[in-house]
Amino acid sequence: MKFTASTRLERNVHRVGEIVGVLAKYGLADWVKGLKFSWIQDRIQSVDGQNIPDLKIEERVRQAFTELGTTFIKLGQVLSTRPDLVGPEMAQELAHLQTATPADAPDVVRATVEAEFGKPLSNVFAQFDEVPLASASIAQAHLALLHSGEQVVVKVQHTGIADEIMSDLDILASLAELAEKHAPQMRLYQPAAILRQFRRTLLRELDFTFERRNLEEFAEHFAQDDTVHFPRAYKEFSTRRVLTMERVDGILGTDSAALANSGADLNEFARRGANMYLQMIFRDAFYHADPHPGNLMLLSGGVVGVLDCGMVGRLDEELAEGIDEMLMAVLTHDATDLGEILLRLGSAPPATHRDQLRVDLTDFVADYVGQSIQEMDLSGAVNSLLEIIRRYNIIAASLLAAAAHIGRVGGDCSAVESRL
C-alpha cells in the first residue's frame, strides 16, 4: 500500500512539528503556509513572532539546519554545492555547516564494534582508546592499535543514527512533494528531484564501505604526488559501520593559531590544496564533495592530508567535456557557444530569454579578453558564471556542483591547462 505524502507526514507528526517549529522560529516557514493542513498551520502559529530578524537570511538557514540535526546539516552541505539553486551567498554560508555531536558512551561503542566484527573488541584491536578524538554528525573517531603494531583511527557510526536519518528523509521527501503541489514559488527549485539525489548521497555516507573505496581510489589517483596524502584504509578491519584508517598526525585546517605557528609556507599549502581539487575535477572527474578546512590537514613537509571522504562527486564524460568546452568558450570569447553549452547541459525554463542571456554572457567573456589560462582568475570566473546561471534558472546539478568547488578552491590552473 502506497501512502500519500500527507499520510506519511502524519505518521511522523512529532518530528514534523519540531521541523516546522524551528523553521518558523527562524522566519523560514512562509512556504509552509501553502500546505493546507490545519495541524501544520497550528505549529506555525504557535511560534509566531519568535523569528530572529537581526540575522541575514543565510545565517538563519544555517542556524536552523544546525538546530535540526544531522540530516539537515548534511542537506545544507549538499545545497552548498548548488549555487544555481540557492545563490552564491547562501551556498557560501551553508559551506560552513559543521557540527560536534555528543559521543556515544564507551559501552555503546564497544557493542557496535563487536556486533560488526562478531568477536570481542580485544580480538580486533590490541588497544582501543575509549575517549573519542572527535564526534561528528554520523560517527565518532577513536585512536587504536592493531595487533600488528600499526597506529590507526577507527571511525564508529553513532548508534541509531541510520534510523533517525531514514525518518527525516521520509519527512523531507513528503514535504518536497507537497511543496511542489501546494507552494508554486518552490516548484522552480525542483525540491523532489533534489531530495532524491540527496537521499542517494546520504545513504552512501551511512555505508562506510563506500568511503573506504573512495579513499582507495583517491590514493591511486595521487600515488605519484608526494604533496598530497590520503589515509590508508584497512579493509580487513572495516565494515559498513566501522572504518579503520591509518593514523596521520598534523594540524587541521580549522586550527588557525596552530597553522600560523607551524612555520610552514601556508600559501604553498593552500595552493597545493586548490590544485589537488582541480586535478580531481579536470583530470580524474572524481572529486571530494565536502571541501571545507576541517577536512584538510597540514602534514610534515607541507603535505596536504585529506580526511572524511564519504561525500564524493563524479562527472560523466559528457559533463567533463562540457566543462572543458565552457572554459574554451571563455578563452576564445565565444558567448554564443558558451550559451549553447549551458543550455545543452542544463535544464532551463521554457521562457528563458536567450537573447538577454547571450548579452550577459558577452559581457562576462569580455572581462577575460586577452587573458591566458595561466592568467585567468579561475575561481572569480566560475563564480561570475554561476551567478548568471542562477539568474536564468538554469539547472545542471553535477556540472554546477563541480563548478562550485572550482569557484571555492581556485588554484594555479595547471590541471586545467593539461586538460585543455
Protein backbone atom coordinates (compact mmCIF):
# COMPACT_ATOMS: atom_id res chain seq x y z
CA MET A 1 0.00 0.00 0.00
CA LYS A 2 1.42 3.38 -1.05
CA PHE A 3 0.90 6.16 1.48
CA THR A 4 0.28 9.75 0.36
CA ALA A 5 2.73 12.47 1.34
CA SER A 6 0.31 13.93 3.89
CA THR A 7 -0.28 10.49 5.45
CA ARG A 8 3.47 9.90 5.75
CA LEU A 9 3.84 13.25 7.49
CA GLU A 10 1.03 12.44 9.93
CA ARG A 11 2.83 9.22 10.87
CA ASN A 12 5.81 11.38 11.94
CA VAL A 13 3.73 14.19 13.43
CA HIS A 14 6.04 14.91 16.39
CA ARG A 15 9.19 15.33 14.29
CA VAL A 16 7.30 17.29 11.59
CA GLY A 17 6.06 19.65 14.29
CA GLU A 18 9.62 20.10 15.52
CA ILE A 19 10.89 20.84 12.00
CA VAL A 20 8.11 23.31 11.20
CA GLY A 21 8.55 24.96 14.60
CA VAL A 22 12.28 25.52 14.08
CA LEU A 23 11.70 26.89 10.56
CA ALA A 24 9.06 29.27 11.93
CA LYS A 25 11.36 30.33 14.77
CA TYR A 26 13.91 31.50 12.21
CA GLY A 27 11.33 33.10 9.94
CA LEU A 28 11.66 30.41 7.27
CA ALA A 29 8.16 28.90 7.24
CA ASP A 30 6.39 31.17 4.73
CA TRP A 31 6.35 28.47 2.06
CA VAL A 32 4.83 26.01 4.55
CA LYS A 33 1.76 28.28 4.76
CA GLY A 34 0.87 26.98 1.30
CA LEU A 35 0.35 23.50 2.76
CA LYS A 36 -3.35 23.39 3.65
CA PHE A 37 -3.15 21.12 6.68
CA SER A 38 -4.50 22.52 9.93
CA TRP A 39 -2.14 20.54 12.15
CA ILE A 40 0.83 22.11 10.33
CA GLN A 41 -0.68 25.60 10.45
CA ASP A 42 -1.21 25.24 14.21
CA ARG A 43 2.51 24.63 14.67
CA ILE A 44 3.42 27.71 12.64
CA GLN A 45 1.12 29.89 14.70
CA SER A 46 2.39 28.51 17.98
CA VAL A 47 5.81 30.08 17.45
CA ASP A 48 4.67 33.19 15.60
CA GLY A 49 6.80 36.21 16.48
CA GLN A 50 9.81 34.19 17.63
CA ASN A 51 11.77 34.61 14.42
CA ILE A 52 15.20 36.24 14.55
CA PRO A 53 15.02 39.41 12.40
CA ASP A 54 18.53 40.72 13.03
CA LEU A 55 20.22 37.83 11.22
CA LYS A 56 20.68 37.64 7.48
CA ILE A 57 18.55 35.00 5.76
CA GLU A 58 21.67 32.92 5.03
CA GLU A 59 22.65 32.86 8.70
CA ARG A 60 19.11 31.96 9.75
CA VAL A 61 19.03 29.00 7.37
CA ARG A 62 22.40 27.77 8.62
CA GLN A 63 21.36 28.06 12.27
CA ALA A 64 18.01 26.36 11.64
CA PHE A 65 19.70 23.45 9.86
CA THR A 66 22.22 23.15 12.69
CA GLU A 67 19.43 23.05 15.27
CA LEU A 68 17.53 20.38 13.31
CA GLY A 69 20.47 17.98 13.36
CA THR A 70 22.35 15.55 11.18
CA THR A 71 20.04 15.15 8.19
CA PHE A 72 19.56 18.88 7.77
CA ILE A 73 23.25 19.63 8.27
CA LYS A 74 24.04 17.16 5.50
CA LEU A 75 21.31 18.68 3.32
CA GLY A 76 22.85 22.10 3.84
CA GLN A 77 26.27 20.79 2.87
CA VAL A 78 24.81 19.39 -0.35
CA LEU A 79 22.98 22.65 -1.10
CA SER A 80 26.27 24.50 -0.57
CA THR A 81 27.36 22.90 -3.86
CA ARG A 82 24.25 24.18 -5.65
CA PRO A 83 24.64 27.96 -6.09
CA ASP A 84 22.40 27.62 -9.15
CA LEU A 85 19.54 26.89 -6.73
CA VAL A 86 20.34 28.82 -3.57
CA GLY A 87 22.63 31.59 -4.83
CA PRO A 88 26.34 32.14 -4.13
CA GLU A 89 25.86 33.86 -0.73
CA MET A 90 23.65 31.08 0.63
CA ALA A 91 25.97 28.42 -0.80
CA GLN A 92 28.96 30.06 0.87
CA GLU A 93 27.17 30.27 4.23
CA LEU A 94 25.98 26.65 4.09
CA ALA A 95 29.53 25.52 3.30
CA HIS A 96 30.36 26.43 6.92
CA LEU A 97 27.91 23.89 8.32
CA GLN A 98 29.71 21.63 10.75
CA THR A 99 28.67 20.05 13.98
CA ALA A 100 30.08 18.46 17.09
CA THR A 101 27.64 15.75 18.19
CA PRO A 102 27.67 14.16 21.67
CA ALA A 103 29.64 10.93 21.59
CA ASP A 104 28.15 7.52 22.26
CA ALA A 105 29.08 6.00 25.62
CA PRO A 106 32.08 3.59 25.68
CA ASP A 107 29.89 0.52 26.21
CA VAL A 108 27.72 1.52 23.22
CA VAL A 109 30.79 1.95 21.00
CA ARG A 110 32.16 -1.40 22.15
CA ALA A 111 28.82 -3.07 21.37
CA THR A 112 28.77 -1.56 17.87
CA VAL A 113 32.30 -2.73 17.06
CA GLU A 114 31.72 -6.21 18.45
CA ALA A 115 28.42 -6.57 16.59
CA GLU A 116 30.10 -5.56 13.31
CA PHE A 117 33.00 -8.00 13.63
CA GLY A 118 31.24 -10.76 15.55
CA LYS A 119 34.03 -11.03 18.12
CA PRO A 120 35.29 -9.24 21.25
CA LEU A 121 36.82 -5.82 20.67
CA SER A 122 40.13 -7.02 22.12
CA ASN A 123 40.34 -9.63 19.34
CA VAL A 124 40.05 -6.88 16.71
CA PHE A 125 42.30 -4.20 18.24
CA ALA A 126 45.27 -4.59 20.59
CA GLN A 127 44.38 -1.23 22.14
CA PHE A 128 41.29 0.96 21.77
CA ASP A 129 41.01 4.41 23.36
CA GLU A 130 37.51 4.76 24.79
CA VAL A 131 37.77 8.57 24.75
CA PRO A 132 36.96 9.72 21.20
CA LEU A 133 39.19 12.09 19.26
CA ALA A 134 36.09 13.78 17.86
CA SER A 135 32.40 13.16 17.39
CA ALA A 136 30.64 14.44 14.27
CA SER A 137 27.12 14.06 12.95
CA ILE A 138 27.29 10.47 11.70
CA ALA A 139 30.23 8.93 13.55
CA GLN A 140 32.94 9.39 16.15
CA ALA A 141 36.67 8.67 15.84
CA HIS A 142 38.87 6.70 18.25
CA LEU A 143 42.60 6.04 18.39
CA ALA A 144 43.50 2.36 18.34
CA LEU A 145 46.39 -0.05 17.81
CA LEU A 146 46.27 -3.11 15.59
CA HIS A 147 47.76 -6.38 16.80
CA SER A 148 50.33 -5.97 14.01
CA GLY A 149 51.53 -2.73 15.64
CA GLU A 150 50.07 -0.07 13.30
CA GLN A 151 48.51 3.00 14.90
CA VAL A 152 45.08 3.65 13.43
CA VAL A 153 41.98 5.81 13.73
CA VAL A 154 38.68 3.96 13.96
CA LYS A 155 35.50 5.67 12.77
CA VAL A 156 32.44 4.20 14.50
CA GLN A 157 28.91 5.09 13.40
CA HIS A 158 26.58 6.50 16.05
CA THR A 159 24.01 4.00 17.24
CA GLY A 160 20.53 4.78 15.93
CA ILE A 161 21.69 7.48 13.52
CA ALA A 162 20.62 5.47 10.46
CA ASP A 163 17.03 5.16 11.73
CA GLU A 164 16.95 8.87 12.58
CA ILE A 165 18.17 9.82 9.12
CA MET A 166 15.76 7.48 7.36
CA SER A 167 12.84 9.03 9.25
CA ASP A 168 13.97 12.57 8.37
CA LEU A 169 14.49 11.62 4.72
CA ASP A 170 10.92 10.32 4.57
CA ILE A 171 9.64 13.58 6.06
CA LEU A 172 11.73 15.73 3.71
CA ALA A 173 10.59 13.76 0.67
CA SER A 174 6.96 14.22 1.73
CA LEU A 175 7.43 17.95 2.33
CA ALA A 176 9.12 18.31 -1.05
CA GLU A 177 6.27 16.50 -2.79
CA LEU A 178 3.67 18.70 -1.08
CA ALA A 179 5.70 21.86 -1.75
CA GLU A 180 5.64 21.18 -5.48
CA LYS A 181 1.86 20.72 -5.36
CA HIS A 182 0.83 23.50 -2.97
CA ALA A 183 3.63 26.09 -2.96
CA PRO A 184 4.18 27.32 -6.56
CA GLN A 185 7.13 29.51 -5.52
CA MET A 186 9.02 26.33 -4.54
CA ARG A 187 8.33 24.45 -7.77
CA LEU A 188 11.12 26.22 -9.64
CA TYR A 189 13.69 24.71 -7.28
CA GLN A 190 12.66 21.11 -8.09
CA PRO A 191 12.63 20.05 -4.41
CA ALA A 192 11.53 16.47 -5.09
CA ALA A 193 14.40 15.87 -7.53
CA ILE A 194 16.89 17.47 -5.15
CA LEU A 195 15.69 15.24 -2.31
CA ARG A 196 16.04 12.10 -4.43
CA GLN A 197 19.64 13.00 -5.20
CA PHE A 198 20.29 13.92 -1.56
CA ARG A 199 18.83 10.61 -0.37
CA ARG A 200 21.26 8.66 -2.57
CA THR A 201 24.20 10.74 -1.34
CA LEU A 202 23.36 10.38 2.35
CA LEU A 203 22.61 6.65 2.21
CA ARG A 204 26.05 6.14 0.69
CA GLU A 205 27.60 8.12 3.56
CA LEU A 206 25.92 5.78 6.03
CA ASP A 207 27.70 2.82 4.46
CA PHE A 208 31.41 3.17 5.27
CA THR A 209 32.23 0.63 2.57
CA PHE A 210 31.81 3.45 0.05
CA GLU A 211 34.16 5.76 1.97
CA ARG A 212 36.80 3.03 2.15
CA ARG A 213 36.59 2.58 -1.62
CA ASN A 214 36.75 6.35 -2.12
CA LEU A 215 39.97 6.50 -0.07
CA GLU A 216 41.46 3.71 -2.15
CA GLU A 217 40.53 5.40 -5.43
CA PHE A 218 41.86 8.81 -4.37
CA ALA A 219 45.11 7.21 -3.15
CA GLU A 220 45.52 5.51 -6.53
CA HIS A 221 44.92 8.75 -8.44
CA PHE A 222 47.50 10.65 -6.36
CA ALA A 223 50.01 7.82 -5.90
CA GLN A 224 52.72 9.76 -7.78
CA ASP A 225 52.06 13.08 -6.00
CA ASP A 226 54.11 13.44 -2.82
CA THR A 227 52.37 16.73 -1.90
CA VAL A 228 49.04 15.01 -1.19
CA HIS A 229 48.24 12.16 1.21
CA PHE A 230 45.08 10.12 1.79
CA PRO A 231 44.97 7.85 4.86
CA ARG A 232 45.29 4.16 4.10
CA ALA A 233 42.07 2.25 4.72
CA TYR A 234 42.30 -1.22 6.32
CA LYS A 235 39.73 -3.34 4.53
CA GLU A 236 40.03 -6.31 6.90
CA PHE A 237 39.23 -4.04 9.87
CA SER A 238 36.36 -2.15 8.25
CA THR A 239 32.64 -2.83 7.83
CA ARG A 240 29.51 -0.88 6.91
CA ARG A 241 29.52 0.90 10.30
CA VAL A 242 33.22 0.81 11.25
CA LEU A 243 36.07 2.25 9.19
CA THR A 244 39.69 1.74 10.22
CA MET A 245 42.26 4.09 8.72
CA GLU A 246 45.93 4.93 9.06
CA ARG A 247 46.60 7.50 11.78
CA VAL A 248 48.01 10.72 10.31
CA ASP A 249 49.47 13.44 12.54
CA GLY A 250 49.18 17.05 11.54
CA ILE A 251 47.30 20.32 12.02
CA LEU A 252 43.67 20.61 11.00
CA GLY A 253 42.81 23.36 8.54
CA THR A 254 40.43 24.84 11.11
CA ASP A 255 43.18 25.39 13.71
CA SER A 256 44.30 28.81 12.51
CA ALA A 257 46.52 29.50 15.54
CA ALA A 258 48.45 26.25 15.19
CA LEU A 259 48.79 26.77 11.45
CA ALA A 260 50.16 30.27 11.97
CA ASN A 261 52.72 28.95 14.49
CA SER A 262 53.72 25.93 12.40
CA GLY A 263 56.42 27.73 10.41
CA ALA A 264 55.06 26.17 7.22
CA ASP A 265 54.53 28.09 3.98
CA LEU A 266 50.74 28.41 4.26
CA ASN A 267 50.40 30.00 0.82
CA GLU A 268 52.05 26.95 -0.70
CA PHE A 269 49.86 24.67 1.40
CA ALA A 270 46.74 26.48 0.13
CA ARG A 271 47.99 26.30 -3.46
CA ARG A 272 48.59 22.57 -3.17
CA GLY A 273 45.12 22.01 -1.75
CA ALA A 274 43.50 24.07 -4.50
CA ASN A 275 45.42 22.32 -7.26
CA MET A 276 44.53 18.94 -5.78
CA TYR A 277 40.82 19.78 -6.19
CA LEU A 278 41.34 20.98 -9.74
CA GLN A 279 43.12 17.73 -10.58
CA MET A 280 40.26 15.75 -9.06
CA ILE A 281 37.77 17.52 -11.32
CA PHE A 282 39.70 18.13 -14.56
CA ARG A 283 41.97 15.08 -14.56
CA ASP A 284 40.03 12.41 -12.70
CA ALA A 285 36.35 13.51 -12.93
CA PHE A 286 36.11 12.20 -9.34
CA TYR A 287 36.27 14.72 -6.53
CA HIS A 288 35.90 15.25 -2.79
CA ALA A 289 32.46 16.86 -2.41
CA ASP A 290 32.90 18.44 1.03
CA PRO A 291 35.99 20.67 0.72
CA HIS A 292 35.90 22.64 3.96
CA PRO A 293 39.07 23.33 6.04
CA GLY A 294 38.10 20.76 8.67
CA ASN A 295 38.67 18.03 6.09
CA LEU A 296 42.22 19.15 5.29
CA MET A 297 45.31 18.67 7.44
CA LEU A 298 48.80 20.18 7.25
CA LEU A 299 51.25 17.29 7.46
CA SER A 300 55.02 17.32 7.79
CA GLY A 301 56.74 18.92 4.80
CA GLY A 302 53.67 20.93 3.86
CA VAL A 303 51.88 17.84 2.57
CA VAL A 304 48.10 18.15 2.25
CA GLY A 305 46.31 15.42 4.22
CA VAL A 306 42.72 14.77 3.17
CA LEU A 307 40.09 13.48 5.61
CA ASP A 308 36.45 12.39 5.55
CA CYS A 309 35.98 11.11 2.02
CA GLY A 310 32.37 9.98 2.47
CA MET A 311 30.90 12.65 0.16
CA VAL A 312 32.26 12.50 -3.38
CA GLY A 313 31.15 13.56 -6.83
CA ARG A 314 31.68 12.12 -10.28
CA LEU A 315 31.44 13.69 -13.69
CA ASP A 316 30.41 11.53 -16.62
CA GLU A 317 32.21 12.01 -19.93
CA GLU A 318 29.63 14.44 -21.31
CA LEU A 319 29.80 16.71 -18.26
CA ALA A 320 33.61 16.60 -18.11
CA GLU A 321 33.79 17.57 -21.77
CA GLY A 322 31.16 20.24 -21.12
CA ILE A 323 33.35 21.94 -18.50
CA ASP A 324 36.29 21.86 -20.94
CA GLU A 325 34.11 23.37 -23.67
CA MET A 326 32.86 26.11 -21.33
CA LEU A 327 36.41 27.14 -20.43
CA MET A 328 37.44 27.13 -24.08
CA ALA A 329 34.44 29.29 -24.95
CA VAL A 330 35.53 31.80 -22.28
CA LEU A 331 39.13 31.81 -23.51
CA THR A 332 38.04 32.28 -27.14
CA HIS A 333 35.44 34.92 -26.14
CA ASP A 334 32.61 32.96 -27.76
CA ALA A 335 29.49 33.96 -25.81
CA THR A 336 27.15 32.26 -28.28
CA ASP A 337 28.93 28.93 -27.93
CA LEU A 338 29.04 29.31 -24.13
CA GLY A 339 25.29 29.90 -24.01
CA GLU A 340 24.57 26.86 -26.17
CA ILE A 341 26.78 24.66 -23.97
CA LEU A 342 25.00 25.82 -20.80
CA LEU A 343 21.56 25.22 -22.30
CA ARG A 344 22.61 21.82 -23.67
CA LEU A 345 23.99 20.57 -20.36
CA GLY A 346 21.43 22.22 -18.12
CA SER A 347 17.70 22.46 -17.71
CA ALA A 348 16.32 25.94 -18.44
CA PRO A 349 12.72 27.18 -18.15
CA PRO A 350 10.85 27.38 -21.50
CA ALA A 351 10.53 31.16 -21.14
CA THR A 352 14.30 31.73 -20.86
CA HIS A 353 15.29 34.99 -22.60
CA ARG A 354 18.07 33.58 -24.75
CA ASP A 355 18.96 36.90 -26.37
CA GLN A 356 19.44 38.57 -22.99
CA LEU A 357 21.39 35.52 -21.77
CA ARG A 358 23.71 35.96 -24.77
CA VAL A 359 24.18 39.65 -23.91
CA ASP A 360 25.07 38.85 -20.31
CA LEU A 361 27.49 36.13 -21.41
CA THR A 362 29.08 38.53 -23.90
CA ASP A 363 29.74 40.97 -21.04
CA PHE A 364 31.08 38.08 -18.96
CA VAL A 365 33.62 36.83 -21.54
CA ALA A 366 34.70 40.41 -22.30
CA ASP A 367 36.20 40.52 -18.80
CA TYR A 368 38.70 37.84 -19.87
CA VAL A 369 39.72 39.16 -23.30
CA GLY A 370 43.46 38.74 -23.80
CA GLN A 371 43.98 36.53 -20.76
CA SER A 372 45.64 33.14 -20.97
CA ILE A 373 44.53 30.20 -18.85
CA GLN A 374 47.52 30.85 -16.56
CA GLU A 375 46.49 34.50 -16.02
CA MET A 376 42.80 33.85 -15.50
CA ASP A 377 41.24 34.21 -12.06
CA LEU A 378 39.55 30.83 -12.36
CA SER A 379 37.56 31.00 -9.14
CA GLY A 380 36.36 34.53 -9.95
CA ALA A 381 35.35 33.49 -13.45
CA VAL A 382 33.45 30.45 -12.23
CA ASN A 383 31.63 32.39 -9.52
CA SER A 384 30.59 35.08 -12.03
CA LEU A 385 29.32 32.42 -14.41
CA LEU A 386 27.41 30.67 -11.60
CA GLU A 387 25.64 33.94 -10.80
CA ILE A 388 24.48 34.24 -14.44
CA ILE A 389 23.36 30.62 -14.46
CA ARG A 390 21.28 31.15 -11.35
CA ARG A 391 19.79 34.39 -12.70
CA TYR A 392 18.35 32.46 -15.64
CA ASN A 393 17.30 29.45 -13.52
CA ILE A 394 19.47 27.02 -15.49
CA ILE A 395 19.86 23.78 -13.53
CA ALA A 396 22.59 21.18 -14.12
CA ALA A 397 23.33 19.50 -10.80
CA SER A 398 26.57 17.58 -11.43
CA LEU A 399 28.09 20.25 -13.63
CA LEU A 400 27.36 23.04 -11.19
CA ALA A 401 28.41 21.08 -8.11
CA ALA A 402 31.83 20.62 -9.72
CA ALA A 403 31.90 24.25 -10.83
CA ALA A 404 31.04 25.40 -7.30
CA HIS A 405 34.05 23.53 -5.94
CA ILE A 406 36.28 25.12 -8.59
CA GLY A 407 34.95 28.50 -7.53
CA ARG A 408 35.77 27.76 -3.88
CA VAL A 409 39.30 26.47 -4.23
CA GLY A 410 40.82 28.50 -7.07
CA GLY A 411 44.32 27.20 -7.90
CA ASP A 412 47.05 27.96 -10.41
CA CYS A 413 45.20 26.29 -13.34
CA SER A 414 47.96 23.80 -14.21
CA ALA A 415 45.45 20.95 -14.03
CA VAL A 416 43.07 22.91 -16.24
CA GLU A 417 45.77 23.66 -18.80
CA SER A 418 46.73 19.97 -19.01
CA ARG A 419 43.12 19.06 -19.84
CA LEU A 420 42.72 21.78 -22.46
